[in-house]
Amino acid sequence: MIFRLDERLLFPDPALAEDDGLLAVGGDLSPQRLLLAYQNGIFPWYSDDTPILWYSPHERFVLYPEELRIAKSMKQVMRSGKFKITFDTAFADVIKACAIAERADQDGTWITNDMKDAYIK
């Protein structure tokens, strides 16, 4: 069953998503709704010509930082100085670049202008 969202800030239980992960339609892209969605394993994925679609796939890859084991060879690469690891330094630039990146066998992107604006906000 696909749920229709309204102005209330809530989502149905992600376990109720369809087999393809589709859980709900509608709502908005407010920062509060996006944070609530991601906190519950739900994300928006839609095109300019569709309403906002919210997904929560049943099978997920979850990486727990405290359980991460880095191989000795990877530690050497990280210490080599060849790479610089940063975060929160160019978010708007990254999201815009992701939106225009060409992908084989795909027309367009799910990162609509509304999505860019919402994520940057």
PDB file of N, CA and C in Angstrom:
ATOM      1  N   MET A   1       0.850  -1.185   0.000  1.00  0.00           N
ATOM      2  CA  MET A   1       0.000   0.000   0.000  1.00  0.00           C
ATOM      3  C   MET A   1       0.891   1.242   0.000  1.00  0.00           C
ATOM      4  N   ILE A   2       0.605   2.163  -0.889  1.00  0.00           N
ATOM      5  CA  ILE A   2       1.350   3.411  -0.977  1.00  0.00           C
ATOM      6  C   ILE A   2       0.553   4.483  -0.226  1.00  0.00           C
ATOM      7  N   PHE A   3       1.220   5.151   0.681  1.00  0.00           N
ATOM      8  CA  PHE A   3       0.572   6.146   1.530  1.00  0.00           C
ATOM      9  C   PHE A   3       0.682   7.540   0.918  1.00  0.00           C
ATOM     10  N   ARG A   4      -0.344   8.358   1.117  1.00  0.00           N
ATOM     11  CA  ARG A   4      -0.333   9.747   0.652  1.00  0.00           C
ATOM     12  C   ARG A   4      -0.003  10.631   1.855  1.00  0.00           C
ATOM     13  N   LEU A   5       1.064  11.433   1.697  1.00  0.00           N
ATOM     14  CA  LEU A   5       1.471  12.339   2.766  1.00  0.00           C
ATOM     15  C   LEU A   5       0.718  13.658   2.630  1.00  0.00           C
ATOM     16  N   ASP A   6       0.498  14.301   3.758  1.00  0.00           N
ATOM     17  CA  ASP A   6      -0.118  15.624   3.754  1.00  0.00           C
ATOM     18  C   ASP A   6       0.818  16.577   4.488  1.00  0.00           C
ATOM     19  N   GLU A   7       0.273  17.640   5.057  1.00  0.00           N
ATOM     20  CA  GLU A   7       1.128  18.640   5.716  1.00  0.00           C
ATOM     21  C   GLU A   7       1.698  18.169   7.054  1.00  0.00           C
ATOM     22  N   ARG A   8       1.121  17.103   7.622  1.00  0.00           N
ATOM     23  CA  ARG A   8       1.646  16.600   8.894  1.00  0.00           C
ATOM     24  C   ARG A   8       3.041  16.016   8.687  1.00  0.00           C
ATOM     25  N   LEU A   9       3.890  16.223   9.655  1.00  0.00           N
ATOM     26  CA  LEU A   9       5.272  15.782   9.565  1.00  0.00           C
ATOM     27  C   LEU A   9       5.390  14.363  10.121  1.00  0.00           C
ATOM     28  N   LEU A  10       5.044  13.385   9.279  1.00  0.00           N
ATOM     29  CA  LEU A  10       5.130  11.982   9.697  1.00  0.00           C
ATOM     30  C   LEU A  10       5.216  11.099   8.463  1.00  0.00           C
ATOM     31  N   PHE A  11       5.734   9.893   8.681  1.00  0.00           N
ATOM     32  CA  PHE A  11       5.834   8.879   7.640  1.00  0.00           C
ATOM     33  C   PHE A  11       5.257   7.585   8.179  1.00  0.00           C
ATOM     34  N   PRO A  12       4.733   6.738   7.289  1.00  0.00           N
ATOM     35  CA  PRO A  12       4.313   5.412   7.737  1.00  0.00           C
ATOM     36  C   PRO A  12       5.538   4.562   8.062  1.00  0.00           C
ATOM     37  N   ASP A  13       5.332   3.458   8.708  1.00  0.00           N
ATOM     38  CA  ASP A  13       6.406   2.526   9.057  1.00  0.00           C
ATOM     39  C   ASP A  13       7.096   2.066   7.773  1.00  0.00           C
ATOM     40  N   PRO A  14       8.421   2.219   7.656  1.00  0.00           N
ATOM     41  CA  PRO A  14       9.142   1.795   6.455  1.00  0.00           C
ATOM     42  C   PRO A  14       8.939   0.316   6.098  1.00  0.00           C
ATOM     43  N   ALA A  15       8.605  -0.517   7.069  1.00  0.00           N
ATOM     44  CA  ALA A  15       8.367  -1.933   6.793  1.00  0.00           C
ATOM     45  C   ALA A  15       7.162  -2.142   5.887  1.00  0.00           C
ATOM     46  N   LEU A  16       6.318  -1.104   5.737  1.00  0.00           N
ATOM     47  CA  LEU A  16       5.115  -1.198   4.915  1.00  0.00           C
ATOM     48  C   LEU A  16       5.363  -0.831   3.448  1.00  0.00           C
ATOM     49  N   ALA A  17       6.617  -0.563   3.081  1.00  0.00           N
ATOM     50  CA  ALA A  17       6.935  -0.182   1.702  1.00  0.00           C
ATOM     51  C   ALA A  17       6.649  -1.329   0.740  1.00  0.00           C
ATOM     52  N   GLU A  18       6.380  -0.962  -0.506  1.00  0.00           N
ATOM     53  CA  GLU A  18       6.172  -1.941  -1.571  1.00  0.00           C
ATOM     54  C   GLU A  18       7.466  -2.737  -1.782  1.00  0.00           C
ATOM     55  N   ASP A  19       7.405  -3.791  -2.579  1.00  0.00           N
ATOM     56  CA  ASP A  19       8.589  -4.610  -2.842  1.00  0.00           C
ATOM     57  C   ASP A  19       9.733  -3.803  -3.445  1.00  0.00           C
ATOM     58  N   ASP A  20       9.397  -2.790  -4.265  1.00  0.00           N
ATOM     59  CA  ASP A  20      10.444  -1.958  -4.863  1.00  0.00           C
ATOM     60  C   ASP A  20      10.901  -0.832  -3.931  1.00  0.00           C
ATOM     61  N   GLY A  21      10.319  -0.756  -2.740  1.00  0.00           N
ATOM     62  CA  GLY A  21      10.708   0.249  -1.760  1.00  0.00           C
ATOM     63  C   GLY A  21       9.806   1.459  -1.700  1.00  0.00           C
ATOM     64  N   LEU A  22       8.914   1.628  -2.679  1.00  0.00           N
ATOM     65  CA  LEU A  22       8.031   2.795  -2.663  1.00  0.00           C
ATOM     66  C   LEU A  22       7.123   2.742  -1.442  1.00  0.00           C
ATOM     67  N   LEU A  23       7.151   3.819  -0.671  1.00  0.00           N
ATOM     68  CA  LEU A  23       6.406   3.873   0.581  1.00  0.00           C
ATOM     69  C   LEU A  23       5.288   4.912   0.554  1.00  0.00           C
ATOM     70  N   ALA A  24       5.589   6.094   0.025  1.00  0.00           N
ATOM     71  CA  ALA A  24       4.620   7.188   0.118  1.00  0.00           C
ATOM     72  C   ALA A  24       4.783   8.148  -1.049  1.00  0.00           C
ATOM     73  N   VAL A  25       3.772   8.971  -1.217  1.00  0.00           N
ATOM     74  CA  VAL A  25       3.770   9.994  -2.257  1.00  0.00           C
ATOM     75  C   VAL A  25       3.276  11.296  -1.639  1.00  0.00           C
ATOM     76  N   GLY A  26       3.838  12.410  -2.110  1.00  0.00           N
ATOM     77  CA  GLY A  26       3.377  13.715  -1.649  1.00  0.00           C
ATOM     78  C   GLY A  26       4.264  14.324  -0.586  1.00  0.00           C
ATOM     79  N   GLY A  27       3.674  15.190   0.196  1.00  0.00           N
ATOM     80  CA  GLY A  27       4.434  15.893   1.220  1.00  0.00           C
ATOM     81  C   GLY A  27       5.247  17.022   0.615  1.00  0.00           C
ATOM     82  N   ASP A  28       6.327  17.373   1.274  1.00  0.00           N
ATOM     83  CA  ASP A  28       7.183  18.460   0.808  1.00  0.00           C
ATOM     84  C   ASP A  28       8.639  18.079   1.044  1.00  0.00           C
ATOM     85  N   LEU A  29       9.523  18.988   0.682  1.00  0.00           N
ATOM     86  CA  LEU A  29      10.963  18.764   0.851  1.00  0.00           C
ATOM     87  C   LEU A  29      11.541  19.698   1.910  1.00  0.00           C
ATOM     88  N   SER A  30      10.779  19.983   2.928  1.00  0.00           N
ATOM     89  CA  SER A  30      11.272  20.855   3.989  1.00  0.00           C
ATOM     90  C   SER A  30      12.439  20.170   4.690  1.00  0.00           C
ATOM     91  N   PRO A  31      13.361  20.954   5.257  1.00  0.00           N
ATOM     92  CA  PRO A  31      14.475  20.342   5.988  1.00  0.00           C
ATOM     93  C   PRO A  31      13.988  19.390   7.090  1.00  0.00           C
ATOM     94  N   GLN A  32      12.900  19.751   7.766  1.00  0.00           N
ATOM     95  CA  GLN A  32      12.387  18.904   8.844  1.00  0.00           C
ATOM     96  C   GLN A  32      11.917  17.554   8.296  1.00  0.00           C
ATOM     97  N   ARG A  33      11.220  17.558   7.154  1.00  0.00           N
ATOM     98  CA  ARG A  33      10.732  16.303   6.577  1.00  0.00           C
ATOM     99  C   ARG A  33      11.904  15.468   6.046  1.00  0.00           C
ATOM    100  N   LEU A  34      12.867  16.117   5.408  1.00  0.00           N
ATOM    101  CA  LEU A  34      14.026  15.378   4.901  1.00  0.00           C
ATOM    102  C   LEU A  34      14.806  14.724   6.044  1.00  0.00           C
ATOM    103  N   LEU A  35      15.014  15.454   7.127  1.00  0.00           N
ATOM    104  CA  LEU A  35      15.723  14.878   8.277  1.00  0.00           C
ATOM    105  C   LEU A  35      14.949  13.707   8.861  1.00  0.00           C
ATOM    106  N   LEU A  36      13.649  13.860   9.030  1.00  0.00           N
ATOM    107  CA  LEU A  36      12.826  12.765   9.553  1.00  0.00           C
ATOM    108  C   LEU A  36      12.887  11.559   8.623  1.00  0.00           C
ATOM    109  N   ALA A  37      12.810  11.810   7.330  1.00  0.00           N
ATOM    110  CA  ALA A  37      12.859  10.711   6.363  1.00  0.00           C
ATOM    111  C   ALA A  37      14.174   9.945   6.489  1.00  0.00           C
ATOM    112  N   TYR A  38      15.284  10.638   6.407  1.00  0.00           N
ATOM    113  CA  TYR A  38      16.588   9.966   6.463  1.00  0.00           C
ATOM    114  C   TYR A  38      16.817   9.269   7.801  1.00  0.00           C
ATOM    115  N   GLN A  39      16.324   9.842   8.876  1.00  0.00           N
ATOM    116  CA  GLN A  39      16.454   9.191  10.187  1.00  0.00           C
ATOM    117  C   GLN A  39      15.710   7.865  10.235  1.00  0.00           C
ATOM    118  N   ASN A  40      14.758   7.680   9.321  1.00  0.00           N
ATOM    119  CA  ASN A  40      13.956   6.459   9.293  1.00  0.00           C
ATOM    120  C   ASN A  40      14.234   5.601   8.062  1.00  0.00           C
ATOM    121  N   GLY A  41      15.335   5.869   7.359  1.00  0.00           N
ATOM    122  CA  GLY A  41      15.690   5.064   6.199  1.00  0.00           C
ATOM    123  C   GLY A  41      14.812   5.312   4.995  1.00  0.00           C
ATOM    124  N   ILE A  42      14.302   6.522   4.865  1.00  0.00           N
ATOM    125  CA  ILE A  42      13.405   6.891   3.772  1.00  0.00           C
ATOM    126  C   ILE A  42      14.061   8.030   2.998  1.00  0.00           C
ATOM    127  N   PHE A  43      13.924   7.999   1.669  1.00  0.00           N
ATOM    128  CA  PHE A  43      14.500   9.081   0.874  1.00  0.00           C
ATOM    129  C   PHE A  43      13.589   9.411  -0.308  1.00  0.00           C
ATOM    130  N   PRO A  44      13.617  10.675  -0.764  1.00  0.00           N
ATOM    131  CA  PRO A  44      12.827  11.057  -1.934  1.00  0.00           C
ATOM    132  C   PRO A  44      13.565  10.677  -3.213  1.00  0.00           C
ATOM    133  N   TRP A  45      12.808  10.223  -4.200  1.00  0.00           N
ATOM    134  CA  TRP A  45      13.395   9.865  -5.494  1.00  0.00           C
ATOM    135  C   TRP A  45      12.289  10.004  -6.524  1.00  0.00           C
ATOM    136  N   TYR A  46      12.368  11.015  -7.331  1.00  0.00           N
ATOM    137  CA  TYR A  46      11.304  11.307  -8.285  1.00  0.00           C
ATOM    138  C   TYR A  46      11.838  12.171  -9.408  1.00  0.00           C
ATOM    139  N   SER A  47      11.014  12.449 -10.399  1.00  0.00           N
ATOM    140  CA  SER A  47      11.378  13.296 -11.532  1.00  0.00           C
ATOM    141  C   SER A  47      10.541  14.561 -11.510  1.00  0.00           C
ATOM    142  N   ASP A  48      10.915  15.507 -12.368  1.00  0.00           N
ATOM    143  CA  ASP A  48      10.161  16.766 -12.445  1.00  0.00           C
ATOM    144  C   ASP A  48       8.700  16.545 -12.819  1.00  0.00           C
ATOM    145  N   ASP A  49       8.420  15.476 -13.554  1.00  0.00           N
ATOM    146  CA  ASP A  49       7.048  15.260 -14.033  1.00  0.00           C
ATOM    147  C   ASP A  49       6.229  14.320 -13.151  1.00  0.00           C
ATOM    148  N   THR A  50       6.702  14.052 -11.935  1.00  0.00           N
ATOM    149  CA  THR A  50       5.948  13.203 -11.003  1.00  0.00           C
ATOM    150  C   THR A  50       5.838  13.912  -9.653  1.00  0.00           C
ATOM    151  N   PRO A  51       4.899  13.486  -8.826  1.00  0.00           N
ATOM    152  CA  PRO A  51       4.877  14.015  -7.451  1.00  0.00           C
ATOM    153  C   PRO A  51       6.090  13.470  -6.684  1.00  0.00           C
ATOM    154  N   ILE A  52       6.319  13.998  -5.501  1.00  0.00           N
ATOM    155  CA  ILE A  52       7.429  13.506  -4.678  1.00  0.00           C
ATOM    156  C   ILE A  52       7.124  12.063  -4.282  1.00  0.00           C
ATOM    157  N   LEU A  53       8.053  11.169  -4.578  1.00  0.00           N
ATOM    158  CA  LEU A  53       7.926   9.760  -4.219  1.00  0.00           C
ATOM    159  C   LEU A  53       8.953   9.457  -3.138  1.00  0.00           C
ATOM    160  N   TRP A  54       8.538   8.753  -2.103  1.00  0.00           N
ATOM    161  CA  TRP A  54       9.395   8.436  -0.955  1.00  0.00           C
ATOM    162  C   TRP A  54       9.635   6.929  -0.912  1.00  0.00           C
ATOM    163  N   TYR A  55      10.893   6.542  -0.842  1.00  0.00           N
ATOM    164  CA  TYR A  55      11.286   5.134  -0.880  1.00  0.00           C
ATOM    165  C   TYR A  55      11.972   4.700   0.406  1.00  0.00           C
ATOM    166  N   SER A  56      11.793   3.438   0.722  1.00  0.00           N
ATOM    167  CA  SER A  56      12.502   2.799   1.832  1.00  0.00           C
ATOM    168  C   SER A  56      12.717   1.332   1.455  1.00  0.00           C
ATOM    169  N   PRO A  57      13.776   1.066   0.681  1.00  0.00           N
ATOM    170  CA  PRO A  57      14.037  -0.316   0.259  1.00  0.00           C
ATOM    171  C   PRO A  57      14.240  -1.233   1.457  1.00  0.00           C
ATOM    172  N   HIS A  58      13.766  -2.461   1.320  1.00  0.00           N
ATOM    173  CA  HIS A  58      13.856  -3.413   2.428  1.00  0.00           C
ATOM    174  C   HIS A  58      15.292  -3.849   2.698  1.00  0.00           C
ATOM    175  N   GLU A  59      16.055  -4.116   1.649  1.00  0.00           N
ATOM    176  CA  GLU A  59      17.448  -4.523   1.846  1.00  0.00           C
ATOM    177  C   GLU A  59      18.331  -3.297   1.739  1.00  0.00           C
ATOM    178  N   ARG A  60      19.175  -3.112   2.728  1.00  0.00           N
ATOM    179  CA  ARG A  60      20.045  -1.944   2.762  1.00  0.00           C
ATOM    180  C   ARG A  60      21.450  -2.369   3.132  1.00  0.00           C
ATOM    181  N   PHE A  61      22.406  -1.599   2.672  1.00  0.00           N
ATOM    182  CA  PHE A  61      23.779  -1.769   3.110  1.00  0.00           C
ATOM    183  C   PHE A  61      23.991  -0.743   4.215  1.00  0.00           C
ATOM    184  N   VAL A  62      24.344  -1.210   5.369  1.00  0.00           N
ATOM    185  CA  VAL A  62      24.568  -0.321   6.501  1.00  0.00           C
ATOM    186  C   VAL A  62      26.008  -0.489   6.956  1.00  0.00           C
ATOM    187  N   LEU A  63      26.711   0.615   7.048  1.00  0.00           N
ATOM    188  CA  LEU A  63      28.102   0.607   7.476  1.00  0.00           C
ATOM    189  C   LEU A  63      28.168   1.272   8.851  1.00  0.00           C
ATOM    190  N   TYR A  64      28.602   0.518   9.838  1.00  0.00           N
ATOM    191  CA  TYR A  64      28.739   1.040  11.198  1.00  0.00           C
ATOM    192  C   TYR A  64      30.198   1.440  11.401  1.00  0.00           C
ATOM    193  N   PRO A  65      30.479   2.736  11.563  1.00  0.00           N
ATOM    194  CA  PRO A  65      31.863   3.197  11.675  1.00  0.00           C
ATOM    195  C   PRO A  65      32.668   2.476  12.756  1.00  0.00           C
ATOM    196  N   GLU A  66      32.037   2.178  13.877  1.00  0.00           N
ATOM    197  CA  GLU A  66      32.788   1.519  14.961  1.00  0.00           C
ATOM    198  C   GLU A  66      33.170   0.074  14.610  1.00  0.00           C
ATOM    199  N   GLU A  67      32.547  -0.491  13.587  1.00  0.00           N
ATOM    200  CA  GLU A  67      32.861  -1.856  13.173  1.00  0.00           C
ATOM    201  C   GLU A  67      33.754  -1.912  11.930  1.00  0.00           C
ATOM    202  N   LEU A  68      34.075  -0.762  11.384  1.00  0.00           N
ATOM    203  CA  LEU A  68      34.877  -0.687  10.173  1.00  0.00           C
ATOM    204  C   LEU A  68      36.319  -1.101  10.454  1.00  0.00           C
ATOM    205  N   ARG A  69      36.814  -2.007   9.654  1.00  0.00           N
ATOM    206  CA  ARG A  69      38.210  -2.452   9.758  1.00  0.00           C
ATOM    207  C   ARG A  69      38.915  -2.073   8.467  1.00  0.00           C
ATOM    208  N   ILE A  70      39.924  -1.238   8.585  1.00  0.00           N
ATOM    209  CA  ILE A  70      40.647  -0.764   7.414  1.00  0.00           C
ATOM    210  C   ILE A  70      41.891  -1.622   7.216  1.00  0.00           C
ATOM    211  N   ALA A  71      42.036  -2.153   5.997  1.00  0.00           N
ATOM    212  CA  ALA A  71      43.175  -3.011   5.678  1.00  0.00           C
ATOM    213  C   ALA A  71      44.479  -2.221   5.786  1.00  0.00           C
ATOM    214  N   LYS A  72      45.549  -2.934   6.102  1.00  0.00           N
ATOM    215  CA  LYS A  72      46.864  -2.323   6.259  1.00  0.00           C
ATOM    216  C   LYS A  72      47.265  -1.560   4.996  1.00  0.00           C
ATOM    217  N   SER A  73      47.003  -2.147   3.832  1.00  0.00           N
ATOM    218  CA  SER A  73      47.371  -1.484   2.576  1.00  0.00           C
ATOM    219  C   SER A  73      46.580  -0.188   2.386  1.00  0.00           C
ATOM    220  N   MET A  74      45.311  -0.173   2.803  1.00  0.00           N
ATOM    221  CA  MET A  74      44.508   1.043   2.687  1.00  0.00           C
ATOM    222  C   MET A  74      45.001   2.107   3.663  1.00  0.00           C
ATOM    223  N   LYS A  75      45.430   1.699   4.839  1.00  0.00           N
ATOM    224  CA  LYS A  75      45.986   2.667   5.797  1.00  0.00           C
ATOM    225  C   LYS A  75      47.220   3.335   5.214  1.00  0.00           C
ATOM    226  N   GLN A  76      48.036   2.558   4.488  1.00  0.00           N
ATOM    227  CA  GLN A  76      49.233   3.120   3.853  1.00  0.00           C
ATOM    228  C   GLN A  76      48.836   4.153   2.800  1.00  0.00           C
ATOM    229  N   VAL A  77      47.838   3.844   2.019  1.00  0.00           N
ATOM    230  CA  VAL A  77      47.357   4.786   1.006  1.00  0.00           C
ATOM    231  C   VAL A  77      46.856   6.057   1.679  1.00  0.00           C
ATOM    232  N   MET A  78      46.104   5.910   2.758  1.00  0.00           N
ATOM    233  CA  MET A  78      45.555   7.074   3.450  1.00  0.00           C
ATOM    234  C   MET A  78      46.656   7.956   4.046  1.00  0.00           C
ATOM    235  N   ARG A  79      47.732   7.337   4.507  1.00  0.00           N
ATOM    236  CA  ARG A  79      48.841   8.095   5.091  1.00  0.00           C
ATOM    237  C   ARG A  79      49.777   8.687   4.039  1.00  0.00           C
ATOM    238  N   SER A  80      49.643   8.261   2.791  1.00  0.00           N
ATOM    239  CA  SER A  80      50.577   8.660   1.736  1.00  0.00           C
ATOM    240  C   SER A  80      50.485  10.141   1.384  1.00  0.00           C
ATOM    241  N   GLY A  81      49.382  10.779   1.701  1.00  0.00           N
ATOM    242  CA  GLY A  81      49.216  12.181   1.354  1.00  0.00           C
ATOM    243  C   GLY A  81      48.704  12.394  -0.061  1.00  0.00           C
ATOM    244  N   LYS A  82      48.398  11.313  -0.777  1.00  0.00           N
ATOM    245  CA  LYS A  82      47.886  11.428  -2.146  1.00  0.00           C
ATOM    246  C   LYS A  82      46.460  11.956  -2.176  1.00  0.00           C
ATOM    247  N   PHE A  83      45.738  11.765  -1.098  1.00  0.00           N
ATOM    248  CA  PHE A  83      44.341  12.157  -1.045  1.00  0.00           C
ATOM    249  C   PHE A  83      44.105  13.101   0.125  1.00  0.00           C
ATOM    250  N   LYS A  84      43.134  13.961  -0.052  1.00  0.00           N
ATOM    251  CA  LYS A  84      42.731  14.866   1.008  1.00  0.00           C
ATOM    252  C   LYS A  84      41.271  14.567   1.314  1.00  0.00           C
ATOM    253  N   ILE A  85      40.961  14.274   2.551  1.00  0.00           N
ATOM    254  CA  ILE A  85      39.600  13.967   2.955  1.00  0.00           C
ATOM    255  C   ILE A  85      39.018  15.192   3.649  1.00  0.00           C
ATOM    256  N   THR A  86      37.894  15.662   3.118  1.00  0.00           N
ATOM    257  CA  THR A  86      37.219  16.820   3.702  1.00  0.00           C
ATOM    258  C   THR A  86      35.727  16.522   3.788  1.00  0.00           C
ATOM    259  N   PHE A  87      35.011  17.339   4.521  1.00  0.00           N
ATOM    260  CA  PHE A  87      33.559  17.239   4.551  1.00  0.00           C
ATOM    261  C   PHE A  87      32.990  18.616   4.847  1.00  0.00           C
ATOM    262  N   ASP A  88      31.771  18.838   4.376  1.00  0.00           N
ATOM    263  CA  ASP A  88      31.074  20.106   4.572  1.00  0.00           C
ATOM    264  C   ASP A  88      31.867  21.311   4.076  1.00  0.00           C
ATOM    265  N   THR A  89      32.570  21.145   2.960  1.00  0.00           N
ATOM    266  CA  THR A  89      33.330  22.278   2.439  1.00  0.00           C
ATOM    267  C   THR A  89      32.780  22.819   1.124  1.00  0.00           C
ATOM    268  N   ALA A  90      32.051  22.006   0.369  1.00  0.00           N
ATOM    269  CA  ALA A  90      31.528  22.449  -0.928  1.00  0.00           C
ATOM    270  C   ALA A  90      30.243  21.699  -1.257  1.00  0.00           C
ATOM    271  N   PHE A  91      29.343  21.585  -0.286  1.00  0.00           N
ATOM    272  CA  PHE A  91      28.145  20.768  -0.475  1.00  0.00           C
ATOM    273  C   PHE A  91      27.333  21.203  -1.686  1.00  0.00           C
ATOM    274  N   ALA A  92      27.078  22.502  -1.817  1.00  0.00           N
ATOM    275  CA  ALA A  92      26.266  22.989  -2.938  1.00  0.00           C
ATOM    276  C   ALA A  92      26.919  22.640  -4.264  1.00  0.00           C
ATOM    277  N   ASP A  93      28.229  22.775  -4.349  1.00  0.00           N
ATOM    278  CA  ASP A  93      28.943  22.435  -5.582  1.00  0.00           C
ATOM    279  C   ASP A  93      28.833  20.946  -5.893  1.00  0.00           C
ATOM    280  N   VAL A  94      28.936  20.118  -4.863  1.00  0.00           N
ATOM    281  CA  VAL A  94      28.866  18.664  -5.058  1.00  0.00           C
ATOM    282  C   VAL A  94      27.480  18.261  -5.537  1.00  0.00           C
ATOM    283  N   ILE A  95      26.440  18.760  -4.910  1.00  0.00           N
ATOM    284  CA  ILE A  95      25.078  18.370  -5.298  1.00  0.00           C
ATOM    285  C   ILE A  95      24.769  18.843  -6.717  1.00  0.00           C
ATOM    286  N   LYS A  96      25.246  20.035  -7.083  1.00  0.00           N
ATOM    287  CA  LYS A  96      25.043  20.527  -8.450  1.00  0.00           C
ATOM    288  C   LYS A  96      25.800  19.669  -9.456  1.00  0.00           C
ATOM    289  N   ALA A  97      27.030  19.272  -9.121  1.00  0.00           N
ATOM    290  CA  ALA A  97      27.814  18.421 -10.026  1.00  0.00           C
ATOM    291  C   ALA A  97      27.182  17.044 -10.179  1.00  0.00           C
ATOM    292  N   CYS A  98      26.650  16.506  -9.114  1.00  0.00           N
ATOM    293  CA  CYS A  98      25.971  15.206  -9.195  1.00  0.00           C
ATOM    294  C   CYS A  98      24.744  15.290 -10.098  1.00  0.00           C
ATOM    295  N   ALA A  99      24.069  16.412 -10.076  1.00  0.00           N
ATOM    296  CA  ALA A  99      22.855  16.569 -10.874  1.00  0.00           C
ATOM    297  C   ALA A  99      23.145  16.597 -12.371  1.00  0.00           C
ATOM    298  N   ILE A 100      24.321  17.083 -12.763  1.00  0.00           N
ATOM    299  CA  ILE A 100      24.628  17.185 -14.196  1.00  0.00           C
ATOM    300  C   ILE A 100      25.527  16.064 -14.699  1.00  0.00           C
ATOM    301  N   ALA A 101      25.976  15.200 -13.810  1.00  0.00           N
ATOM    302  CA  ALA A 101      26.851  14.099 -14.232  1.00  0.00           C
ATOM    303  C   ALA A 101      26.107  13.167 -15.180  1.00  0.00           C
ATOM    304  N   GLU A 102      26.734  12.852 -16.308  1.00  0.00           N
ATOM    305  CA  GLU A 102      26.126  11.928 -17.255  1.00  0.00           C
ATOM    306  C   GLU A 102      26.318  10.503 -16.769  1.00  0.00           C
ATOM    307  N   ARG A 103      25.260   9.703 -16.942  1.00  0.00           N
ATOM    308  CA  ARG A 103      25.302   8.312 -16.515  1.00  0.00           C
ATOM    309  C   ARG A 103      24.859   7.439 -17.683  1.00  0.00           C
ATOM    310  N   ALA A 104      25.573   6.359 -17.899  1.00  0.00           N
ATOM    311  CA  ALA A 104      25.237   5.448 -18.986  1.00  0.00           C
ATOM    312  C   ALA A 104      23.828   4.899 -18.807  1.00  0.00           C
ATOM    313  N   ASP A 105      23.098   4.837 -19.895  1.00  0.00           N
ATOM    314  CA  ASP A 105      21.752   4.251 -19.911  1.00  0.00           C
ATOM    315  C   ASP A 105      20.752   4.995 -19.028  1.00  0.00           C
ATOM    316  N   GLN A 106      21.004   6.268 -18.736  1.00  0.00           N
ATOM    317  CA  GLN A 106      20.054   7.052 -17.946  1.00  0.00           C
ATOM    318  C   GLN A 106      19.820   8.403 -18.609  1.00  0.00           C
ATOM    319  N   ASP A 107      18.563   8.758 -18.721  1.00  0.00           N
ATOM    320  CA  ASP A 107      18.204  10.082 -19.219  1.00  0.00           C
ATOM    321  C   ASP A 107      17.879  10.954 -18.028  1.00  0.00           C
ATOM    322  N   GLY A 108      18.559  12.050 -17.897  1.00  0.00           N
ATOM    323  CA  GLY A 108      18.250  12.982 -16.823  1.00  0.00           C
ATOM    324  C   GLY A 108      18.772  12.525 -15.467  1.00  0.00           C
ATOM    325  N   THR A 109      18.183  13.103 -14.436  1.00  0.00           N
ATOM    326  CA  THR A 109      18.627  12.856 -13.075  1.00  0.00           C
ATOM    327  C   THR A 109      17.448  12.940 -12.115  1.00  0.00           C
ATOM    328  N   TRP A 110      17.579  12.296 -10.981  1.00  0.00           N
ATOM    329  CA  TRP A 110      16.556  12.425  -9.937  1.00  0.00           C
ATOM    330  C   TRP A 110      16.805  13.668  -9.099  1.00  0.00           C
ATOM    331  N   ILE A 111      17.940  14.320  -9.294  1.00  0.00           N
ATOM    332  CA  ILE A 111      18.263  15.516  -8.515  1.00  0.00           C
ATOM    333  C   ILE A 111      17.659  16.720  -9.244  1.00  0.00           C
ATOM    334  N   THR A 112      16.387  16.936  -9.016  1.00  0.00           N
ATOM    335  CA  THR A 112      15.672  18.041  -9.651  1.00  0.00           C
ATOM    336  C   THR A 112      16.107  19.369  -9.026  1.00  0.00           C
ATOM    337  N   ASN A 113      15.695  20.467  -9.639  1.00  0.00           N
ATOM    338  CA  ASN A 113      16.005  21.784  -9.062  1.00  0.00           C
ATOM    339  C   ASN A 113      15.430  21.910  -7.657  1.00  0.00           C
ATOM    340  N   ASP A 114      14.199  21.397  -7.455  1.00  0.00           N
ATOM    341  CA  ASP A 114      13.607  21.441  -6.113  1.00  0.00           C
ATOM    342  C   ASP A 114      14.438  20.634  -5.122  1.00  0.00           C
ATOM    343  N   MET A 115      14.955  19.483  -5.574  1.00  0.00           N
ATOM    344  CA  MET A 115      15.795  18.660  -4.693  1.00  0.00           C
ATOM    345  C   MET A 115      17.091  19.402  -4.346  1.00  0.00           C
ATOM    346  N   LYS A 116      17.727  20.008  -5.353  1.00  0.00           N
ATOM    347  CA  LYS A 116      18.960  20.764  -5.091  1.00  0.00           C
ATOM    348  C   LYS A 116      18.703  21.848  -4.052  1.00  0.00           C
ATOM    349  N   ASP A 117      17.642  22.618  -4.274  1.00  0.00           N
ATOM    350  CA  ASP A 117      17.315  23.707  -3.342  1.00  0.00           C
ATOM    351  C   ASP A 117      17.062  23.174  -1.928  1.00  0.00           C
ATOM    352  N   ALA A 118      16.312  22.070  -1.840  1.00  0.00           N
ATOM    353  CA  ALA A 118      15.985  21.511  -0.529  1.00  0.00           C
ATOM    354  C   ALA A 118      17.222  21.007   0.195  1.00  0.00           C
ATOM    355  N   TYR A 119      18.075  20.282  -0.507  1.00  0.00           N
ATOM    356  CA  TYR A 119      19.272  19.734   0.141  1.00  0.00           C
ATOM    357  C   TYR A 119      20.249  20.826   0.530  1.00  0.00           C
ATOM    358  N   ILE A 120      20.377  21.852  -0.301  1.00  0.00           N
ATOM    359  CA  ILE A 120      21.280  22.954   0.026  1.00  0.00           C
ATOM    360  C   ILE A 120      20.748  23.739   1.224  1.00  0.00           C
ATOM    361  N   LYS A 121      19.422  23.875   1.290  1.00  0.00           N
ATOM    362  CA  LYS A 121      18.791  24.572   2.420  1.00  0.00           C
ATOM    363  C   LYS A 121      19.045  23.816   3.706  1.00  0.00           C
TER     364      LYS A 121
END
